[in-house]
């Protein structure tokens, strides 16, 4: 039998140094070009903003629902 070792995906990012990050940035620049990167970042920021708005709306609806219908008191 062989043992399967599962590593956390976050361990990969702990081992990245400055050289590796510069290499990744260079590859992204070569693949997308200087003109596409601002568009990609703008789209990423817009997506994160929409996600946070939706998350806040859900939280607000849950809090309002809890205020409208308080939990019944348990009798001792």
N, C-alpha and C. Protein backbone atom coordinates (compact mmCIF):
# COMPACT_ATOMS: atom_id res chain seq x y z
N UNK A 1 0.84 -1.17 0.00
CA UNK A 1 0.00 0.00 0.00
C UNK A 1 0.89 1.24 0.00
N UNK A 2 0.40 2.26 -0.64
CA UNK A 2 1.13 3.52 -0.65
C UNK A 2 0.37 4.55 0.15
N UNK A 3 1.09 5.37 0.83
CA UNK A 3 0.47 6.43 1.64
C UNK A 3 0.31 7.68 0.78
N UNK A 4 -0.82 8.30 0.89
CA UNK A 4 -1.09 9.53 0.16
C UNK A 4 -0.92 10.69 1.14
N UNK A 5 -0.02 11.57 0.81
CA UNK A 5 0.22 12.73 1.66
C UNK A 5 -0.44 13.94 1.00
N UNK A 6 -1.34 14.57 1.72
CA UNK A 6 -2.05 15.73 1.21
C UNK A 6 -1.44 16.97 1.85
N UNK A 7 -0.92 17.85 1.03
CA UNK A 7 -0.36 19.09 1.54
C UNK A 7 -1.37 20.20 1.34
N UNK A 8 -1.29 21.17 2.19
CA UNK A 8 -2.15 22.34 2.07
C UNK A 8 -1.73 23.14 0.85
N UNK A 9 -2.68 23.63 0.04
CA UNK A 9 -2.30 24.43 -1.13
C UNK A 9 -1.62 25.73 -0.75
N UNK A 10 -1.79 26.18 0.49
CA UNK A 10 -1.18 27.43 0.92
C UNK A 10 0.32 27.27 1.14
N UNK A 11 0.79 26.04 1.32
CA UNK A 11 2.22 25.82 1.50
C UNK A 11 2.99 26.18 0.24
N UNK A 12 2.37 26.07 -0.91
CA UNK A 12 3.02 26.40 -2.17
C UNK A 12 3.41 27.87 -2.19
N UNK A 13 2.54 28.74 -1.69
CA UNK A 13 2.81 30.17 -1.74
C UNK A 13 3.85 30.60 -0.71
N UNK A 14 4.07 29.82 0.31
CA UNK A 14 5.08 30.16 1.31
C UNK A 14 6.48 29.96 0.77
N UNK A 15 6.63 29.12 -0.22
CA UNK A 15 7.94 28.81 -0.76
C UNK A 15 8.33 29.71 -1.92
N UNK A 16 7.47 30.64 -2.34
CA UNK A 16 7.79 31.53 -3.44
C UNK A 16 8.69 32.66 -2.96
N UNK A 17 9.79 32.86 -3.68
CA UNK A 17 10.70 33.95 -3.36
C UNK A 17 10.51 35.09 -4.34
N UNK A 18 11.35 36.10 -4.21
CA UNK A 18 11.25 37.27 -5.09
C UNK A 18 11.54 36.90 -6.54
N UNK A 19 12.49 36.01 -6.77
CA UNK A 19 12.84 35.60 -8.13
C UNK A 19 11.66 34.93 -8.81
N UNK A 20 10.98 34.05 -8.10
CA UNK A 20 9.84 33.35 -8.68
C UNK A 20 8.70 34.31 -8.99
N UNK A 21 8.45 35.26 -8.07
CA UNK A 21 7.38 36.23 -8.31
C UNK A 21 7.68 37.11 -9.52
N UNK A 22 8.95 37.52 -9.68
CA UNK A 22 9.33 38.32 -10.85
C UNK A 22 9.17 37.50 -12.14
N UNK A 23 9.53 36.24 -12.09
CA UNK A 23 9.37 35.38 -13.26
C UNK A 23 7.90 35.23 -13.64
N UNK A 24 7.04 35.04 -12.64
CA UNK A 24 5.60 34.93 -12.91
C UNK A 24 5.07 36.23 -13.50
N UNK A 25 5.49 37.37 -12.95
CA UNK A 25 5.05 38.67 -13.47
C UNK A 25 5.52 38.86 -14.90
N UNK A 26 6.72 38.44 -15.23
CA UNK A 26 7.25 38.56 -16.59
C UNK A 26 6.44 37.70 -17.56
N UNK A 27 6.10 36.49 -17.15
CA UNK A 27 5.30 35.60 -18.00
C UNK A 27 3.91 36.19 -18.25
N UNK A 28 3.29 36.73 -17.21
CA UNK A 28 1.97 37.36 -17.36
C UNK A 28 2.07 38.54 -18.31
N UNK A 29 3.11 39.35 -18.18
CA UNK A 29 3.30 40.50 -19.05
C UNK A 29 3.48 40.06 -20.50
N UNK A 30 4.24 38.99 -20.72
CA UNK A 30 4.45 38.51 -22.08
C UNK A 30 3.18 37.91 -22.68
N UNK A 31 2.39 37.21 -21.85
CA UNK A 31 1.18 36.57 -22.36
C UNK A 31 0.08 37.58 -22.68
N UNK A 32 -0.12 38.55 -21.81
CA UNK A 32 -1.24 39.45 -21.98
C UNK A 32 -0.86 40.80 -22.56
N UNK A 33 0.37 41.17 -22.50
CA UNK A 33 0.80 42.46 -23.01
C UNK A 33 0.47 43.58 -22.04
N UNK A 34 1.13 44.70 -22.20
CA UNK A 34 0.97 45.82 -21.29
C UNK A 34 -0.40 46.46 -21.33
N UNK A 35 -1.08 46.36 -22.45
CA UNK A 35 -2.39 47.02 -22.58
C UNK A 35 -3.52 46.22 -21.95
N UNK A 36 -3.39 44.92 -21.90
CA UNK A 36 -4.47 44.08 -21.37
C UNK A 36 -4.46 43.98 -19.85
N UNK A 37 -3.31 44.16 -19.23
CA UNK A 37 -3.21 43.99 -17.78
C UNK A 37 -4.11 44.96 -17.02
N UNK A 38 -4.14 46.28 -17.37
CA UNK A 38 -5.06 47.16 -16.64
C UNK A 38 -6.52 46.73 -16.78
N UNK A 39 -6.91 46.23 -17.96
CA UNK A 39 -8.28 45.74 -18.15
C UNK A 39 -8.55 44.53 -17.25
N UNK A 40 -7.58 43.63 -17.16
CA UNK A 40 -7.74 42.45 -16.31
C UNK A 40 -7.88 42.85 -14.84
N UNK A 41 -7.06 43.78 -14.40
CA UNK A 41 -7.11 44.22 -13.01
C UNK A 41 -8.41 44.96 -12.71
N UNK A 42 -8.89 45.75 -13.66
CA UNK A 42 -10.16 46.45 -13.50
C UNK A 42 -11.29 45.45 -13.37
N UNK A 43 -11.28 44.43 -14.21
CA UNK A 43 -12.31 43.39 -14.14
C UNK A 43 -12.24 42.61 -12.84
N UNK A 44 -11.02 42.33 -12.37
CA UNK A 44 -10.84 41.63 -11.11
C UNK A 44 -11.37 42.47 -9.95
N UNK A 45 -11.07 43.75 -9.95
CA UNK A 45 -11.56 44.64 -8.90
C UNK A 45 -13.07 44.74 -8.90
N UNK A 46 -13.65 44.81 -10.10
CA UNK A 46 -15.11 44.89 -10.23
C UNK A 46 -15.77 43.61 -9.71
N UNK A 47 -15.17 42.47 -10.01
CA UNK A 47 -15.70 41.20 -9.53
C UNK A 47 -15.63 41.08 -8.02
N UNK A 48 -14.52 41.52 -7.44
CA UNK A 48 -14.38 41.48 -5.98
C UNK A 48 -15.38 42.41 -5.33
N UNK A 49 -15.58 43.59 -5.90
CA UNK A 49 -16.54 44.56 -5.36
C UNK A 49 -17.96 43.98 -5.41
N UNK A 50 -18.34 43.35 -6.53
CA UNK A 50 -19.68 42.75 -6.64
C UNK A 50 -19.85 41.62 -5.64
N UNK A 51 -18.81 40.81 -5.45
CA UNK A 51 -18.88 39.72 -4.47
C UNK A 51 -19.10 40.28 -3.07
N UNK A 52 -18.33 41.31 -2.70
CA UNK A 52 -18.47 41.90 -1.37
C UNK A 52 -19.85 42.53 -1.17
N UNK A 53 -20.38 43.18 -2.22
CA UNK A 53 -21.73 43.74 -2.13
C UNK A 53 -22.77 42.65 -1.89
N UNK A 54 -22.67 41.56 -2.63
CA UNK A 54 -23.61 40.45 -2.46
C UNK A 54 -23.49 39.85 -1.07
N UNK A 55 -22.26 39.69 -0.59
CA UNK A 55 -22.03 39.14 0.74
C UNK A 55 -22.65 40.04 1.81
N UNK A 56 -22.46 41.34 1.67
CA UNK A 56 -23.03 42.28 2.64
C UNK A 56 -24.56 42.28 2.59
N UNK A 57 -25.14 42.17 1.40
CA UNK A 57 -26.60 42.11 1.27
C UNK A 57 -27.16 40.87 1.97
N UNK A 58 -26.51 39.74 1.80
CA UNK A 58 -26.98 38.51 2.45
C UNK A 58 -26.87 38.65 3.96
N UNK A 59 -25.75 39.19 4.44
CA UNK A 59 -25.58 39.39 5.88
C UNK A 59 -26.67 40.31 6.43
N UNK A 60 -26.96 41.39 5.70
CA UNK A 60 -27.98 42.35 6.15
C UNK A 60 -29.36 41.70 6.19
N UNK A 61 -29.69 40.89 5.18
CA UNK A 61 -30.98 40.21 5.16
C UNK A 61 -31.10 39.23 6.33
N UNK A 62 -30.03 38.53 6.64
CA UNK A 62 -30.06 37.59 7.76
C UNK A 62 -30.26 38.33 9.07
N UNK A 63 -29.54 39.45 9.25
CA UNK A 63 -29.68 40.22 10.48
C UNK A 63 -31.09 40.80 10.62
N UNK A 64 -31.69 41.28 9.52
CA UNK A 64 -33.05 41.81 9.56
C UNK A 64 -34.04 40.70 9.89
N UNK A 65 -33.83 39.52 9.33
CA UNK A 65 -34.70 38.39 9.62
C UNK A 65 -34.63 37.97 11.07
N UNK A 66 -33.44 38.06 11.66
CA UNK A 66 -33.30 37.71 13.06
C UNK A 66 -33.99 38.74 13.95
N UNK A 67 -34.01 39.99 13.54
CA UNK A 67 -34.67 41.02 14.33
C UNK A 67 -36.19 40.87 14.27
N UNK A 68 -36.71 40.47 13.11
CA UNK A 68 -38.15 40.33 12.93
C UNK A 68 -38.69 39.12 13.68
N UNK A 69 -37.99 38.02 13.66
CA UNK A 69 -38.43 36.78 14.29
C UNK A 69 -37.41 36.34 15.31
N UNK A 70 -37.49 36.87 16.53
CA UNK A 70 -36.51 36.44 17.55
C UNK A 70 -36.72 34.98 17.90
N UNK A 71 -35.66 34.35 18.34
CA UNK A 71 -35.72 32.94 18.71
C UNK A 71 -36.65 32.76 19.90
N UNK A 72 -37.49 31.73 19.90
CA UNK A 72 -38.41 31.50 21.04
C UNK A 72 -37.59 31.16 22.29
N UNK A 73 -38.10 31.64 23.43
CA UNK A 73 -37.42 31.39 24.70
C UNK A 73 -37.72 29.96 25.14
N UNK A 74 -36.71 29.32 25.66
CA UNK A 74 -36.87 27.95 26.16
C UNK A 74 -37.29 27.99 27.61
N UNK A 75 -38.26 27.19 27.95
CA UNK A 75 -38.72 27.12 29.35
C UNK A 75 -37.84 26.15 30.12
N UNK A 76 -37.50 26.54 31.32
CA UNK A 76 -36.64 25.71 32.16
C UNK A 76 -37.43 24.70 32.96
